[in-house]
């Protein structure tokens, strides 16, 4: 794993956007960059670039000819706390997603692209975002008047990435709290099972 460094997310986002220059030109997709002066965040830039590239790939795939992809970067505070951070928004005027698709969005091997998708991009991205302490919100709309999908990523400014093991332990602890809270925990041969 590379060492974390202080980076501007707009710089990483621009780097990821260059990967789609050909596709953007061919489909005449307008890219709107809306960057305000932002603080640097402690991150592993190659991992964050991979996340941005995965989200942007889906945005460009979904956006029709002459559509728009908007990327926005702002200083912000965390969604549910006052922790300082930087918020990245990636929005497209694509076909939108059904509620069923939104519920499976971060599941491994789930794809709406048929043979053209592996269903691994957002699943891997979710792990990277969790390691970086990023809170993610996704909104999508399908309708006669306007379709769109919006990803909002809130990066903590000073926390920096955690090890994969630390994230896995946290997820396991949270799962165990949820199971104990619901009173559905059964112990069987050192493995946890849910009652039905």
Protein backbone atom coordinates (compact mmCIF):
# COMPACT_ATOMS: atom_id res chain seq x y z
CA UNK A 1 0.00 0.00 0.00
CA UNK A 2 1.28 3.44 -0.91
CA UNK A 3 1.81 6.03 1.77
CA UNK A 4 -0.96 8.60 2.25
CA UNK A 5 -0.19 12.17 1.25
CA UNK A 6 -2.04 15.48 1.28
CA UNK A 7 -3.77 15.93 -2.07
CA UNK A 8 -6.33 18.18 -3.70
CA UNK A 9 -9.27 16.07 -4.78
CA UNK A 10 -9.91 18.33 -7.78
CA UNK A 11 -6.45 17.42 -9.12
CA UNK A 12 -7.18 13.70 -8.73
CA UNK A 13 -10.62 14.16 -10.31
CA UNK A 14 -9.11 15.96 -13.32
CA UNK A 15 -6.61 13.13 -13.70
CA UNK A 16 -9.45 10.58 -13.75
CA UNK A 17 -11.45 12.69 -16.22
CA UNK A 18 -8.63 12.58 -18.78
CA UNK A 19 -9.21 8.82 -19.07
CA UNK A 20 -12.56 9.58 -20.71
CA UNK A 21 -11.53 12.34 -23.13
CA UNK A 22 -12.10 10.14 -26.21
CA UNK A 23 -15.47 8.85 -25.04
CA UNK A 24 -16.52 12.38 -24.02
CA UNK A 25 -15.62 13.85 -27.42
CA UNK A 26 -17.22 11.02 -29.37
CA UNK A 27 -20.54 11.29 -27.48
CA UNK A 28 -20.32 15.10 -27.24
CA UNK A 29 -20.80 14.94 -23.49
CA UNK A 30 -20.30 18.29 -21.80
CA UNK A 31 -18.15 18.10 -18.66
CA UNK A 32 -18.87 20.89 -16.18
CA UNK A 33 -16.13 21.41 -13.60
CA UNK A 34 -17.23 23.40 -10.57
CA UNK A 35 -14.28 23.59 -8.21
CA UNK A 36 -14.06 25.99 -5.31
CA UNK A 37 -10.82 26.42 -3.42
CA UNK A 38 -10.54 23.28 -1.35
CA UNK A 39 -8.38 22.00 1.45
CA UNK A 40 -6.09 19.07 0.81
CA UNK A 41 -7.11 15.71 2.22
CA UNK A 42 -4.91 12.94 3.52
CA UNK A 43 -5.37 10.06 1.06
CA UNK A 44 -3.79 7.55 -1.25
CA UNK A 45 -4.24 9.33 -4.56
CA UNK A 46 -4.03 6.22 -6.78
CA UNK A 47 -6.88 4.58 -4.85
CA UNK A 48 -9.04 7.70 -4.90
CA UNK A 49 -8.36 8.08 -8.65
CA UNK A 50 -9.61 4.51 -9.12
CA UNK A 51 -12.85 5.35 -7.28
CA UNK A 52 -13.38 8.50 -9.36
CA UNK A 53 -12.65 6.56 -12.56
CA UNK A 54 -15.20 3.86 -11.64
CA UNK A 55 -17.94 6.40 -10.91
CA UNK A 56 -17.08 8.46 -14.00
CA UNK A 57 -17.07 5.35 -16.22
CA UNK A 58 -20.61 4.60 -15.14
CA UNK A 59 -21.61 8.24 -15.62
CA UNK A 60 -20.21 8.39 -19.16
CA UNK A 61 -21.75 5.00 -20.03
CA UNK A 62 -25.18 6.19 -18.85
CA UNK A 63 -25.07 9.69 -20.33
CA UNK A 64 -26.67 10.09 -23.76
CA UNK A 65 -25.29 11.94 -26.74
CA UNK A 66 -25.06 15.68 -25.90
CA UNK A 67 -25.61 14.93 -22.18
CA UNK A 68 -23.78 16.45 -19.22
CA UNK A 69 -21.48 15.16 -16.51
CA UNK A 70 -20.90 17.62 -13.67
CA UNK A 71 -18.07 17.34 -11.15
CA UNK A 72 -18.05 19.61 -8.12
CA UNK A 73 -15.56 19.97 -5.24
CA UNK A 74 -16.24 22.00 -2.08
CA UNK A 75 -14.93 22.38 1.42
CA UNK A 76 -17.59 20.96 3.66
CA UNK A 77 -18.31 19.28 6.94
CA UNK A 78 -19.26 15.66 7.39
CA UNK A 79 -22.93 14.80 6.71
CA UNK A 80 -23.67 13.87 10.33
CA UNK A 81 -20.89 15.57 12.29
CA UNK A 82 -19.02 18.83 12.24
CA UNK A 83 -15.75 17.17 11.15
CA UNK A 84 -14.04 19.24 8.47
CA UNK A 85 -13.90 17.63 5.07
CA UNK A 86 -14.10 18.01 1.33
CA UNK A 87 -17.23 17.05 -0.60
CA UNK A 88 -17.04 15.70 -4.15
CA UNK A 89 -20.18 15.49 -6.29
CA UNK A 90 -20.33 13.59 -9.58
CA UNK A 91 -23.63 13.96 -11.43
CA UNK A 92 -24.82 12.86 -14.85
CA UNK A 93 -27.87 13.39 -17.03
CA UNK A 94 -27.94 9.71 -17.93
CA UNK A 95 -30.78 7.23 -17.79
CA UNK A 96 -30.99 7.14 -13.99
CA UNK A 97 -31.34 3.99 -11.89
CA UNK A 98 -34.31 2.07 -10.60
CA UNK A 99 -34.66 1.64 -6.84
CA UNK A 100 -33.78 -2.05 -7.26
CA UNK A 101 -30.53 -1.11 -9.02
CA UNK A 102 -29.68 1.45 -6.33
CA UNK A 103 -30.10 -1.20 -3.62
CA UNK A 104 -27.61 -3.52 -5.37
CA UNK A 105 -25.21 -0.83 -6.55
CA UNK A 106 -22.25 -1.83 -4.36
CA UNK A 107 -22.78 -5.61 -4.52
CA UNK A 108 -20.05 -7.68 -6.20
CA UNK A 109 -20.81 -8.88 -9.74
CA UNK A 110 -23.92 -6.72 -10.05
CA UNK A 111 -23.95 -4.89 -13.36
CA UNK A 112 -26.53 -3.31 -15.64
CA UNK A 113 -24.08 -3.39 -18.58
CA UNK A 114 -24.48 -7.05 -19.53
CA UNK A 115 -21.27 -8.44 -21.02
CA UNK A 116 -19.64 -5.01 -20.95
CA UNK A 117 -19.51 -4.82 -17.15
CA UNK A 118 -17.93 -6.96 -14.44
CA UNK A 119 -19.89 -5.57 -11.52
CA UNK A 120 -16.67 -5.07 -9.56
CA UNK A 121 -15.94 -1.35 -10.00
CA UNK A 122 -18.28 0.07 -7.37
CA UNK A 123 -17.75 -2.90 -5.06
CA UNK A 124 -14.00 -2.21 -5.03
CA UNK A 125 -14.68 1.52 -4.76
CA UNK A 126 -16.82 0.98 -1.67
CA UNK A 127 -13.91 -0.77 0.06
CA UNK A 128 -11.51 2.04 -0.82
CA UNK A 129 -13.99 4.67 0.35
CA UNK A 130 -14.52 2.81 3.64
CA UNK A 131 -10.76 2.69 4.24
CA UNK A 132 -10.57 6.44 3.65
CA UNK A 133 -13.49 7.13 6.01
CA UNK A 134 -15.60 8.58 3.18
CA UNK A 135 -19.35 8.85 3.56
CA UNK A 136 -21.21 8.20 0.31
CA UNK A 137 -24.70 9.19 -0.78
CA UNK A 138 -26.28 8.26 -4.08
CA UNK A 139 -29.45 9.71 -5.56
CA UNK A 140 -30.98 8.79 -8.87
CA UNK A 141 -34.15 9.62 -10.70
CA UNK A 142 -35.90 8.20 -13.70
CA UNK A 143 -38.82 10.06 -15.14
CA UNK A 144 -40.36 11.59 -18.17
CA UNK A 145 -39.06 15.08 -17.45
CA UNK A 146 -35.54 14.50 -16.16
CA UNK A 147 -33.21 11.58 -15.50
CA UNK A 148 -30.08 11.89 -13.41
CA UNK A 149 -27.72 10.16 -11.00
CA UNK A 150 -25.73 11.97 -8.32
CA UNK A 151 -22.89 10.55 -6.22
CA UNK A 152 -21.84 12.67 -3.23
CA UNK A 153 -18.62 11.67 -1.46
CA UNK A 154 -17.63 13.38 1.79
CA UNK A 155 -13.91 12.93 2.52
CA UNK A 156 -12.55 13.67 6.00
CA UNK A 157 -9.80 16.26 5.76
CA UNK A 158 -7.32 14.90 8.29
CA UNK A 159 -8.16 11.28 9.11
CA UNK A 160 -6.36 9.48 6.30
CA UNK A 161 -6.85 5.89 5.13
CA UNK A 162 -7.04 2.96 7.54
CA UNK A 163 -5.82 -0.56 6.94
CA UNK A 164 -8.19 -3.03 5.34
CA UNK A 165 -8.02 -5.13 8.51
CA UNK A 166 -9.19 -2.19 10.63
CA UNK A 167 -12.15 -1.59 8.33
CA UNK A 168 -13.08 -5.29 8.34
CA UNK A 169 -12.96 -5.40 12.14
CA UNK A 170 -15.16 -2.31 12.34
CA UNK A 171 -17.69 -3.79 9.90
CA UNK A 172 -17.74 -7.08 11.82
CA UNK A 173 -18.24 -5.25 15.12
CA UNK A 174 -21.07 -3.19 13.64
CA UNK A 175 -22.69 -6.33 12.24
CA UNK A 176 -22.44 -8.03 15.63
CA UNK A 177 -24.01 -4.98 17.35
CA UNK A 178 -26.88 -5.06 14.86
CA UNK A 179 -27.39 -8.80 15.33
CA UNK A 180 -27.28 -8.58 19.14
CA UNK A 181 -29.65 -5.62 19.06
CA UNK A 182 -32.15 -7.59 17.00
CA UNK A 183 -31.78 -10.61 19.30
CA UNK A 184 -31.27 -12.97 16.39
CA UNK A 185 -27.82 -14.30 17.15
CA UNK A 186 -27.31 -18.04 17.33
CA UNK A 187 -23.95 -19.58 18.20
CA UNK A 188 -23.10 -22.80 16.39
CA UNK A 189 -19.66 -24.38 16.06
CA UNK A 190 -17.86 -21.03 16.48
CA UNK A 191 -19.77 -19.58 13.54
CA UNK A 192 -22.55 -17.05 13.70
CA UNK A 193 -25.82 -17.79 11.97
CA UNK A 194 -29.03 -15.83 11.66
CA UNK A 195 -32.29 -17.33 12.75
CA UNK A 196 -35.10 -17.14 10.26
